[in-house]
Amino acid sequence: MLNQRLQQKLLQKLSPQQILLMKLLQIPAIGLEQRIKQEIEENPALEIDSPEATDQNLADSNPDSETDDRAENNENPEDYEEYKDSDEEYQMDDYMDDDEIPDYRLKQNNYSADDERREIPFVSGTSFPELLNQQLGYRKLDEHKYQIGLYIIGNIDDSGYLQRSTDSIVDDLAFTQNITTTKSEVEEILGIIQEFDPAGVGARNLQECLMIQLKRKAREETSPALDLAIKIIGRYFNEFTKKHYQKIMKRGEVSEDKLKAAIDLILELNPKPGNSLSETTRTNHYIIPDFTISNATGELELYMNSWNSPELRVSNVYSDMITTFGQKKKTKKQREAYSFVKQKVDSAKWFIEAIRQRQNTLYLTMKAIMDYQHDYFMTGDETRLRPMILKDIAEKIGLDISTISRVANSKYVQTPFGTFLLKSFFSESMLKNDGEEVSTREVKTILKEIIQSEDKKKPYTDEHLKKLLNKKGYNIARRTVAKYREQLNIPVARLRKKLN
């Protein structure tokens, strides 16, 4: 049975403008230029407000401008008409010398001695897979084995490791390449590839990679340290990775000096042999800061890097079309055209306003962070960082916490002490024994300094680190020390241990 009733609901909905602003806030400086270009391509009513564009629009909208220019130059219109009707050959001869292309412009180099030359260097070289394929081609293999070798190389990653098991390669070759082979044949060809340069390529794990390099060294030279290194990697690899040196010395019946010589030799090996040859194909990622803080005059100055945020405007052509259609009695086609044009113009206005609000929000947020952490930005001393959470900045500038989070998670600031992610300036607080409130980042800095100055023969355990921090006035638990140590990517004491 159908019932009719009234019901009140309180809903919060975001407008298209708010959604657009939130998306723009998340875009860092390096991505803003591409986003603006994309919007200009998709919306013909949006254009860059440049002086050249303004002059061109004025010229297009004023067909009499040419006549006005002649009048300003005291030219007689009758003389102009006479000049237009004059002999064409005479006109061409008069101006040929000015328009003639210089000889040097017709040369391949296309530069004169006075031109400033700005050449862009290009890096060329052989990629890692191509190098392996070349070495495979030097071996005398029949077509069947050559195809198997190509497939194995195709499964070697940039670090030089084979990512598939031999059993899987046998199945893959049968189903995808229609090549019938056996596990022993695949391992035979893999053994050939493992002889290629760089040493260690084609290994299936770190142990095999190090062993390949050590055995190649052993073919060129012999020494007690090299023999012991091969023994350690072959028999005591687990103990070696966990730095259980006492166990290795006891089981291998070797002295500490001999063990250290062998380990020093192992540490000279390359755990990722492919990386040394894949530099030419690797893409470098650069950080472009959104803000710059300088301290040239003894006072902090904040600048926004808006080089990739050009001035935008609504196209005059589309604005005129809105006016034209608005004054007419519209047919169906005109109404459709008017609706399309209005939608594009409104979208352009929203985008321009969103960009303006984005810049304003970013500046207010960074200015609040700079004022809050004034002592740090003046000195660069991390112990001067104050505890600061998103709520502190949100309350200071009157914005929502989620807005501050979007800004902090993807924006960088360049300071005299380095370039940092805004998120790194936010930290929780803790109380020292004397009641002073300090930032957890300060505690991490002190912890890092203690670990760097420890005796590597007997590194501090987390319990010992806790006691040292407590002596400095930081009331902190052992599990918190372990958490901060992991956040700093510092291994446990056993893995920090080194032999003299």
Protein backbone atom coordinates (compact mmCIF):
# COMPACT_ATOMS: atom_id res chain seq x y z
CA MET A 1 0.00 0.00 0.00
CA LEU A 2 1.36 3.40 -0.99
CA ASN A 3 1.63 6.10 1.68
CA GLN A 4 2.22 9.80 1.18
CA ARG A 5 4.15 11.63 3.85
CA LEU A 6 6.39 14.64 4.46
CA GLN A 7 9.92 14.17 5.69
CA GLN A 8 12.68 16.65 6.52
CA LYS A 9 16.32 15.80 5.88
CA LEU A 10 19.46 17.79 6.53
CA LEU A 11 21.99 16.99 3.80
CA GLN A 12 25.36 18.49 3.02
CA LYS A 13 26.20 18.55 -0.66
CA LEU A 14 29.27 19.92 -2.38
CA SER A 15 28.82 22.24 -5.32
CA PRO A 16 30.76 21.63 -8.56
CA GLN A 17 32.92 24.66 -7.70
CA GLN A 18 33.88 23.19 -4.31
CA ILE A 19 34.73 19.83 -5.85
CA LEU A 20 36.88 21.55 -8.47
CA LEU A 21 38.70 23.56 -5.78
CA MET A 22 39.42 20.45 -3.70
CA LYS A 23 40.89 18.68 -6.75
CA LEU A 24 43.06 21.67 -7.61
CA LEU A 25 44.34 21.94 -4.03
CA GLN A 26 45.77 18.42 -4.26
CA ILE A 27 47.75 19.19 -7.43
CA PRO A 28 51.39 20.19 -6.78
CA ALA A 29 53.18 22.93 -8.71
CA ILE A 30 54.61 20.52 -11.26
CA GLY A 31 51.13 19.25 -12.22
CA LEU A 32 49.26 22.58 -12.27
CA GLU A 33 50.56 23.70 -15.66
CA GLN A 34 49.40 20.47 -17.29
CA ARG A 35 45.99 20.76 -15.62
CA ILE A 36 45.54 24.31 -16.94
CA LYS A 37 46.56 23.22 -20.45
CA GLN A 38 44.06 20.39 -20.28
CA GLU A 39 41.27 22.76 -19.24
CA ILE A 40 42.12 25.22 -22.06
CA GLU A 41 42.01 22.38 -24.60
CA GLU A 42 38.64 21.13 -23.33
CA ASN A 43 37.02 24.55 -22.87
CA PRO A 44 37.25 26.96 -25.85
CA ALA A 45 35.83 29.77 -23.68
CA LEU A 46 38.97 29.77 -21.52
CA GLU A 47 42.18 31.37 -22.70
CA ILE A 48 45.45 32.77 -21.38
CA ASP A 49 45.34 36.50 -20.72
CA SER A 50 48.53 37.58 -22.49
CA PRO A 51 49.34 40.98 -24.03
CA GLU A 52 49.71 39.37 -27.45
CA ALA A 53 46.25 37.84 -27.19
CA THR A 54 44.79 41.18 -26.06
CA ASP A 55 46.34 43.06 -28.98
CA GLN A 56 45.13 40.42 -31.42
CA ASN A 57 41.57 40.56 -30.06
CA LEU A 58 41.53 44.35 -30.29
CA ALA A 59 42.74 44.17 -33.85
CA ASP A 60 40.10 41.59 -34.75
CA SER A 61 37.32 43.60 -33.16
CA ASN A 62 38.38 46.92 -34.79
CA PRO A 63 38.65 46.53 -38.58
CA ASP A 64 39.35 50.27 -38.92
CA SER A 65 42.52 50.02 -36.86
CA GLU A 66 44.65 49.89 -40.01
CA THR A 67 43.11 53.15 -41.22
CA ASP A 68 43.63 54.71 -37.80
CA ASP A 69 47.30 53.70 -37.84
CA ARG A 70 47.76 55.40 -41.19
CA ALA A 71 46.05 58.51 -39.90
CA GLU A 72 48.35 58.61 -36.85
CA ASN A 73 51.37 58.42 -39.14
CA ASN A 74 49.99 61.40 -41.21
CA GLU A 75 49.49 59.23 -44.25
CA ASN A 76 47.12 60.42 -46.91
CA PRO A 77 44.49 57.78 -47.80
CA GLU A 78 44.69 58.86 -51.43
CA ASP A 79 48.45 58.28 -51.42
CA TYR A 80 47.81 54.86 -49.94
CA GLU A 81 45.35 53.95 -52.71
CA GLU A 82 47.84 55.17 -55.31
CA TYR A 83 50.55 53.09 -53.68
CA LYS A 84 48.33 49.98 -53.73
CA ASP A 85 47.72 50.39 -57.46
CA SER A 86 51.39 51.00 -58.30
CA ASP A 87 53.57 48.55 -60.21
CA GLU A 88 54.00 45.29 -58.25
CA GLU A 89 57.50 44.70 -59.56
CA TYR A 90 58.60 48.07 -58.28
CA GLN A 91 57.25 47.26 -54.83
CA MET A 92 58.99 43.86 -54.73
CA ASP A 93 62.34 45.31 -55.83
CA ASP A 94 62.01 48.00 -53.20
CA TYR A 95 61.72 45.52 -50.36
CA MET A 96 63.52 42.45 -51.70
CA ASP A 97 66.75 43.29 -49.91
CA ASP A 98 64.98 43.44 -46.55
CA ASP A 99 63.08 40.17 -46.97
CA GLU A 100 65.89 38.15 -48.49
CA ILE A 101 66.95 35.19 -46.35
CA PRO A 102 70.63 35.46 -45.30
CA ASP A 103 72.95 32.79 -46.66
CA TYR A 104 73.81 31.43 -43.23
CA ARG A 105 70.14 30.69 -42.60
CA LEU A 106 70.19 28.26 -45.52
CA LYS A 107 73.08 26.27 -44.07
CA GLN A 108 72.59 23.11 -42.07
CA ASN A 109 73.92 24.64 -38.85
CA ASN A 110 71.52 27.57 -39.28
CA TYR A 111 73.42 29.91 -36.92
CA SER A 112 75.50 33.01 -37.46
CA ALA A 113 78.59 33.84 -35.44
CA ASP A 114 76.64 36.43 -33.42
CA ASP A 115 73.71 34.18 -32.52
CA GLU A 116 73.50 32.80 -29.00
CA ARG A 117 73.52 29.03 -29.24
CA ARG A 118 71.63 26.98 -26.69
CA GLU A 119 72.09 23.33 -27.44
CA ILE A 120 70.26 20.63 -25.51
CA PRO A 121 72.44 17.60 -24.75
CA PHE A 122 70.83 14.25 -25.51
CA VAL A 123 71.89 11.05 -23.77
CA SER A 124 72.24 8.07 -26.04
CA GLY A 125 73.27 4.58 -25.10
CA THR A 126 72.36 0.94 -25.01
CA SER A 127 69.66 -0.12 -22.58
CA PHE A 128 70.16 -3.00 -20.16
CA PRO A 129 68.00 -5.55 -22.07
CA GLU A 130 69.64 -4.55 -25.37
CA LEU A 131 73.10 -5.15 -23.89
CA LEU A 132 72.09 -8.64 -22.74
CA ASN A 133 70.56 -9.40 -26.16
CA GLN A 134 73.80 -8.32 -27.84
CA GLN A 135 75.84 -10.65 -25.63
CA LEU A 136 73.41 -13.47 -26.37
CA GLY A 137 73.93 -12.88 -30.08
CA TYR A 138 77.68 -13.37 -29.68
CA ARG A 139 77.15 -16.95 -28.44
CA LYS A 140 76.96 -19.78 -30.97
CA LEU A 141 73.42 -20.95 -30.25
CA ASP A 142 70.92 -22.54 -32.61
CA GLU A 143 67.60 -20.76 -33.24
CA HIS A 144 65.77 -22.89 -30.65
CA LYS A 145 68.15 -22.03 -27.80
CA TYR A 146 68.45 -18.41 -28.96
CA GLN A 147 64.68 -17.91 -28.63
CA ILE A 148 64.74 -19.45 -25.16
CA GLY A 149 67.58 -17.08 -24.21
CA LEU A 150 65.61 -14.07 -25.49
CA TYR A 151 62.61 -15.10 -23.39
CA ILE A 152 64.75 -15.50 -20.26
CA ILE A 153 66.29 -12.04 -20.79
CA GLY A 154 62.79 -10.61 -21.18
CA ASN A 155 62.02 -11.80 -17.64
CA ILE A 156 65.08 -10.16 -16.08
CA ASP A 157 64.18 -6.94 -14.22
CA ASP A 158 66.10 -3.66 -14.10
CA SER A 159 68.04 -4.86 -11.05
CA GLY A 160 69.35 -7.86 -12.99
CA TYR A 161 67.27 -10.59 -11.31
CA LEU A 162 65.28 -13.31 -13.07
CA GLN A 163 61.68 -12.92 -11.96
CA ARG A 164 60.36 -16.33 -13.10
CA SER A 165 61.20 -19.86 -12.00
CA THR A 166 62.59 -22.28 -14.58
CA ASP A 167 59.44 -24.43 -14.34
CA SER A 168 57.27 -21.41 -15.13
CA ILE A 169 59.50 -20.47 -18.06
CA VAL A 170 59.13 -23.98 -19.51
CA ASP A 171 55.33 -23.66 -19.33
CA ASP A 172 55.34 -20.08 -20.69
CA LEU A 173 57.45 -21.06 -23.69
CA ALA A 174 55.11 -23.95 -24.49
CA PHE A 175 51.88 -21.94 -24.24
CA THR A 176 52.91 -18.50 -25.53
CA GLN A 177 55.84 -19.19 -27.90
CA ASN A 178 54.98 -22.75 -28.99
CA ILE A 179 58.51 -23.79 -28.01
CA THR A 180 58.95 -27.19 -26.39
CA THR A 181 61.84 -27.37 -23.94
CA THR A 182 62.87 -28.90 -20.62
CA LYS A 183 63.88 -27.53 -17.23
CA SER A 184 67.49 -28.70 -17.69
CA GLU A 185 67.75 -26.94 -21.07
CA VAL A 186 66.39 -23.69 -19.62
CA GLU A 187 68.87 -23.90 -16.73
CA GLU A 188 71.68 -24.57 -19.21
CA ILE A 189 70.87 -21.39 -21.16
CA LEU A 190 70.35 -19.47 -17.91
CA GLY A 191 73.87 -20.53 -16.92
CA ILE A 192 75.16 -18.99 -20.16
CA ILE A 193 73.32 -15.72 -19.42
CA GLN A 194 74.75 -15.66 -15.90
CA GLU A 195 78.20 -15.42 -17.49
CA PHE A 196 77.25 -12.11 -19.13
CA ASP A 197 78.30 -8.69 -17.92
CA PRO A 198 77.63 -7.19 -15.45
CA ALA A 199 78.59 -9.99 -13.07
CA GLY A 200 75.61 -11.36 -11.16
CA VAL A 201 73.00 -10.80 -13.85
CA GLY A 202 70.36 -13.52 -14.22
CA ALA A 203 70.45 -14.55 -10.55
CA ARG A 204 67.20 -15.66 -8.95
CA ASN A 205 67.99 -14.28 -5.48
CA LEU A 206 70.60 -12.25 -3.62
CA GLN A 207 72.57 -15.31 -2.48
CA GLU A 208 72.96 -16.58 -6.05
CA CYS A 209 73.83 -13.07 -7.27
CA LEU A 210 76.68 -12.69 -4.76
CA MET A 211 77.90 -16.24 -5.39
CA ILE A 212 78.11 -15.63 -9.17
CA GLN A 213 80.25 -12.55 -8.58
CA LEU A 214 82.52 -14.29 -6.07
CA LYS A 215 83.09 -17.33 -8.33
CA ARG A 216 83.96 -15.04 -11.23
CA LYS A 217 86.49 -13.29 -8.97
CA ALA A 218 87.87 -16.69 -7.98
CA ARG A 219 88.63 -17.49 -11.65
CA GLU A 220 90.79 -14.37 -11.85
CA GLU A 221 92.50 -14.42 -8.45
CA THR A 222 92.86 -16.53 -5.32
CA SER A 223 93.07 -15.47 -1.69
CA PRO A 224 92.07 -16.86 1.74
CA ALA A 225 89.56 -13.99 2.15
CA LEU A 226 87.88 -14.85 -1.18
CA ASP A 227 87.66 -18.55 -0.28
CA LEU A 228 86.12 -17.66 3.07
CA ALA A 229 83.67 -15.25 1.42
CA ILE A 230 82.46 -18.03 -0.90
CA LYS A 231 82.09 -20.31 2.12
CA ILE A 232 80.09 -17.68 4.05
CA ILE A 233 77.68 -17.01 1.19
CA GLY A 234 77.30 -20.70 0.41
CA ARG A 235 76.94 -22.10 3.96
CA TYR A 236 76.21 -19.24 6.36
CA PHE A 237 74.17 -16.83 4.24
CA ASN A 238 71.34 -16.67 6.82
CA GLU A 239 73.75 -15.86 9.61
CA PHE A 240 75.51 -13.29 7.40
CA THR A 241 72.30 -11.40 6.57
CA LYS A 242 71.34 -11.31 10.25
CA LYS A 243 74.91 -10.35 11.27
CA HIS A 244 75.31 -13.30 13.61
CA TYR A 245 79.08 -13.00 13.36
CA GLN A 246 79.79 -15.00 16.52
CA LYS A 247 77.97 -18.00 15.08
CA ILE A 248 79.93 -17.76 11.82
CA MET A 249 83.27 -17.56 13.68
CA LYS A 250 82.33 -20.54 15.87
CA ARG A 251 80.97 -22.79 13.12
CA GLY A 252 83.57 -21.80 10.52
CA GLU A 253 86.40 -21.84 13.05
CA VAL A 254 87.77 -18.52 11.83
CA SER A 255 89.17 -15.52 13.64
CA GLU A 256 87.52 -12.11 13.75
CA ASP A 257 90.22 -10.57 11.52
CA LYS A 258 89.76 -13.20 8.81
CA LEU A 259 85.98 -12.84 9.02
CA LYS A 260 86.23 -9.06 8.66
CA ALA A 261 88.44 -9.38 5.56
CA ALA A 262 85.93 -11.75 3.95
CA ILE A 263 82.95 -9.55 4.83
CA ASP A 264 84.72 -6.45 3.47
CA LEU A 265 85.16 -8.32 0.20
CA ILE A 266 81.47 -9.30 0.13
CA LEU A 267 80.41 -5.71 0.79
CA GLU A 268 82.28 -4.61 -2.34
CA LEU A 269 79.95 -6.72 -4.52
CA ASN A 270 76.96 -5.24 -6.35
CA PRO A 271 73.64 -6.57 -4.96
CA LYS A 272 71.76 -5.05 -7.94
CA PRO A 273 73.99 -5.54 -10.99
CA GLY A 274 71.42 -4.26 -13.47
CA ASN A 275 71.20 -0.82 -11.88
CA SER A 276 74.70 0.13 -13.03
CA LEU A 277 73.65 -0.20 -16.68
CA SER A 278 70.07 1.10 -16.61
CA GLU A 279 70.90 4.73 -15.73
CA THR A 280 70.34 5.90 -19.31
CA THR A 281 66.80 4.56 -19.35
CA ARG A 282 65.84 5.76 -15.88
CA THR A 283 63.67 8.84 -15.49
CA ASN A 284 64.86 11.45 -13.04
CA HIS A 285 62.15 12.92 -10.83
CA TYR A 286 62.65 16.48 -9.76
CA ILE A 287 60.83 18.29 -6.98
CA ILE A 288 59.52 21.71 -7.94
CA PRO A 289 58.69 23.59 -4.71
CA ASP A 290 55.38 25.41 -4.44
CA PHE A 291 56.81 27.97 -2.01
CA THR A 292 60.13 29.63 -1.29
CA ILE A 293 61.12 31.04 2.10
CA SER A 294 64.11 33.39 2.22
CA ASN A 295 65.88 35.13 5.06
CA ALA A 296 68.05 37.69 3.26
CA THR A 297 67.14 40.74 5.38
CA GLY A 298 66.87 39.07 8.78
CA GLU A 299 63.11 38.67 8.29
CA LEU A 300 61.31 35.73 6.75
CA GLU A 301 59.85 36.36 3.31
CA LEU A 302 57.41 33.99 1.60
CA TYR A 303 57.05 33.67 -2.17
CA MET A 304 54.71 31.50 -4.19
CA ASN A 305 56.19 29.81 -7.24
CA SER A 306 53.44 30.75 -9.71
CA TRP A 307 55.55 30.56 -12.87
CA ASN A 308 53.32 27.79 -14.21
CA SER A 309 50.03 29.52 -13.31
CA PRO A 310 49.34 32.02 -16.13
CA GLU A 311 46.63 34.67 -15.96
CA LEU A 312 43.40 33.27 -17.38
CA ARG A 313 40.32 34.97 -18.74
CA VAL A 314 37.02 34.24 -20.47
CA SER A 315 37.26 34.53 -24.24
CA ASN A 316 35.85 37.81 -25.59
CA VAL A 317 34.38 35.92 -28.52
CA TYR A 318 32.29 33.71 -26.25
CA SER A 319 31.28 36.65 -24.05
CA ASP A 320 30.06 38.51 -27.14
CA MET A 321 28.13 35.44 -28.25
CA ILE A 322 26.30 35.38 -24.90
CA THR A 323 25.31 39.02 -25.39
CA THR A 324 24.27 38.46 -29.01
CA PHE A 325 22.10 35.42 -28.28
CA GLY A 326 20.60 37.13 -25.26
CA GLN A 327 19.28 40.02 -27.33
CA LYS A 328 17.58 37.85 -29.95
CA LYS A 329 14.36 35.96 -29.95
CA LYS A 330 15.76 32.47 -29.95
CA THR A 331 14.90 29.56 -32.20
CA LYS A 332 15.48 26.01 -31.02
CA LYS A 333 18.96 25.87 -32.56
CA GLN A 334 19.84 29.25 -31.09
CA ARG A 335 18.69 28.11 -27.65
CA GLU A 336 20.90 25.03 -27.92
CA ALA A 337 23.84 27.16 -29.02
CA TYR A 338 23.17 29.66 -26.23
CA SER A 339 23.04 26.83 -23.67
CA PHE A 340 26.35 25.41 -24.94
CA VAL A 341 28.11 28.77 -24.93
CA LYS A 342 26.77 29.68 -21.48
CA GLN A 343 27.89 26.35 -20.06
CA LYS A 344 31.42 26.86 -21.39
CA VAL A 345 31.58 30.46 -20.15
CA ASP A 346 30.34 29.47 -16.68
CA SER A 347 32.81 26.60 -16.56
CA ALA A 348 35.64 28.98 -17.50
CA LYS A 349 34.60 31.43 -14.77
CA TRP A 350 34.47 28.64 -12.18
CA PHE A 351 37.93 27.42 -13.18
CA ILE A 352 39.44 30.91 -13.01
CA GLU A 353 37.87 31.47 -9.59
CA ALA A 354 39.04 28.04 -8.38
CA ILE A 355 42.63 28.82 -9.44
CA ARG A 356 42.45 32.13 -7.59
CA GLN A 357 41.06 30.48 -4.46
CA ARG A 358 43.72 27.76 -4.71
CA GLN A 359 46.53 30.30 -4.77
CA ASN A 360 44.98 32.21 -1.87
CA THR A 361 44.46 29.07 0.22
CA LEU A 362 48.01 27.85 -0.42
CA TYR A 363 49.50 31.20 0.55
CA LEU A 364 47.43 31.50 3.74
CA THR A 365 48.32 27.95 4.79
CA MET A 366 52.05 28.34 4.16
CA LYS A 367 52.10 31.78 5.83
CA ALA A 368 50.46 30.29 8.94
CA ILE A 369 52.98 27.41 9.01
CA MET A 370 55.87 29.84 8.56
CA ASP A 371 54.66 32.04 11.44
CA TYR A 372 54.00 29.01 13.66
CA GLN A 373 57.48 27.55 13.03
CA HIS A 374 59.24 30.93 12.89
CA ASP A 375 62.19 29.87 15.08
CA TYR A 376 62.92 26.84 12.90
CA PHE A 377 62.82 28.75 9.60
CA MET A 378 65.15 31.37 11.08
CA THR A 379 67.77 28.87 12.27
CA GLY A 380 67.19 25.51 10.55
CA ASP A 381 67.59 23.77 13.91
CA GLU A 382 65.12 20.87 14.03
CA THR A 383 65.07 20.98 17.81
CA ARG A 384 63.36 24.39 17.47
CA LEU A 385 60.34 22.84 15.74
CA ARG A 386 57.18 23.34 17.74
CA PRO A 387 54.54 20.60 18.06
CA MET A 388 51.99 21.33 15.35
CA ILE A 389 48.94 19.45 14.15
CA LEU A 390 46.52 20.15 11.30
CA LYS A 391 43.99 21.58 13.73
CA ASP A 392 46.41 24.31 14.84
CA ILE A 393 46.75 25.72 11.32
CA ALA A 394 43.07 25.18 10.48
CA GLU A 395 41.98 27.25 13.49
CA LYS A 396 44.55 29.95 12.74
CA ILE A 397 43.32 30.67 9.20
CA GLY A 398 39.71 29.57 9.58
CA LEU A 399 39.71 26.64 7.15
CA ASP A 400 38.68 23.02 7.48
CA ILE A 401 41.22 20.41 8.63
CA SER A 402 40.68 18.41 5.42
CA THR A 403 41.69 21.46 3.36
CA ILE A 404 44.93 21.85 5.32
CA SER A 405 45.59 18.14 4.90
CA ARG A 406 45.24 18.38 1.09
CA VAL A 407 47.70 21.24 1.00
CA ALA A 408 50.25 19.65 3.36
CA ASN A 409 50.30 16.20 1.74
CA SER A 410 51.43 17.28 -1.72
CA LYS A 411 53.23 20.64 -1.48
CA TYR A 412 56.91 21.41 -1.01
CA VAL A 413 58.68 24.48 0.36
CA GLN A 414 62.21 25.55 -0.48
CA THR A 415 64.12 26.96 2.49
CA PRO A 416 67.77 27.98 3.02
CA PHE A 417 68.19 24.57 4.72
CA GLY A 418 66.68 22.37 2.01
CA THR A 419 63.39 21.52 0.30
CA PHE A 420 60.76 19.82 2.47
CA LEU A 421 57.26 18.42 2.22
CA LEU A 422 54.87 20.54 4.28
CA LYS A 423 53.64 17.40 5.98
CA SER A 424 57.06 16.97 7.60
CA PHE A 425 56.53 20.08 9.75
CA PHE A 426 53.50 18.56 11.46
CA SER A 427 54.15 16.43 14.52
CA GLU A 428 52.56 15.39 17.78
CA SER A 429 53.74 16.77 21.10
CA MET A 430 55.17 15.14 24.20
CA LEU A 431 56.11 16.47 27.63
CA LYS A 432 59.69 16.43 28.91
CA ASN A 433 60.44 15.69 32.54
CA ASP A 434 60.56 19.43 33.28
CA GLY A 435 57.06 19.93 31.83
CA GLU A 436 58.23 21.51 28.56
CA GLU A 437 56.17 20.55 25.51
CA VAL A 438 58.36 19.39 22.61
CA SER A 439 57.78 18.04 19.12
CA THR A 440 58.15 14.32 18.42
CA ARG A 441 60.34 15.32 15.47
CA GLU A 442 62.80 16.79 17.98
CA VAL A 443 62.88 13.44 19.78
CA LYS A 444 63.57 11.65 16.48
CA THR A 445 66.42 14.05 15.75
CA ILE A 446 68.01 13.38 19.15
CA LEU A 447 67.50 9.63 18.67
CA LYS A 448 69.19 9.75 15.26
CA GLU A 449 72.17 11.65 16.68
CA ILE A 450 72.60 9.11 19.50
CA ILE A 451 72.59 6.18 17.05
CA GLN A 452 75.06 7.91 14.72
CA SER A 453 77.53 8.42 17.59
CA GLU A 454 77.27 4.88 19.02
CA ASP A 455 80.06 2.32 18.94
CA LYS A 456 79.26 0.14 15.92
CA LYS A 457 80.96 -2.85 17.58
CA LYS A 458 78.36 -2.67 20.37
CA PRO A 459 75.34 -0.71 19.08
CA TYR A 460 72.67 0.40 21.52
CA THR A 461 69.58 -1.72 21.98
CA ASP A 462 66.16 -0.06 22.10
CA GLU A 463 66.15 -0.43 25.88
CA HIS A 464 69.51 1.34 26.15
CA LEU A 465 68.32 4.07 23.77
CA LYS A 466 65.28 4.59 25.98
CA LYS A 467 67.52 5.08 29.04
CA LEU A 468 69.73 7.59 27.19
CA LEU A 469 66.69 9.59 26.08
CA ASN A 470 65.29 9.52 29.63
CA LYS A 471 68.58 10.97 30.90
CA LYS A 472 68.17 13.84 28.43
CA GLY A 473 64.72 14.55 29.88
CA TYR A 474 62.58 12.79 27.26
CA ASN A 475 60.10 10.54 29.05
CA ILE A 476 59.66 7.86 26.41
CA ALA A 477 58.89 4.12 26.41
CA ARG A 478 60.94 1.42 24.71
CA ARG A 479 58.20 0.54 22.21
CA THR A 480 58.00 4.22 21.26
CA VAL A 481 61.76 4.24 20.66
CA ALA A 482 61.31 1.21 18.38
CA LYS A 483 58.51 3.00 16.49
CA TYR A 484 60.57 6.16 15.96
CA ARG A 485 63.61 4.08 14.93
CA GLU A 486 61.54 2.27 12.28
CA GLN A 487 60.13 5.58 11.02
CA LEU A 488 63.72 6.77 10.57
CA ASN A 489 64.52 3.54 8.62
CA ILE A 490 67.16 2.56 11.16
CA PRO A 491 67.60 -1.22 11.67
CA VAL A 492 67.77 -2.96 15.04
CA ALA A 493 71.02 -3.04 17.01
CA ARG A 494 72.07 -6.47 15.72
CA LEU A 495 71.90 -5.31 12.09
CA ARG A 496 73.84 -2.11 12.88
CA LYS A 497 76.75 -4.09 14.27
CA LYS A 498 80.07 -3.86 12.42
CA LEU A 499 83.41 -5.60 12.84
CA ASN A 500 86.55 -3.53 13.41
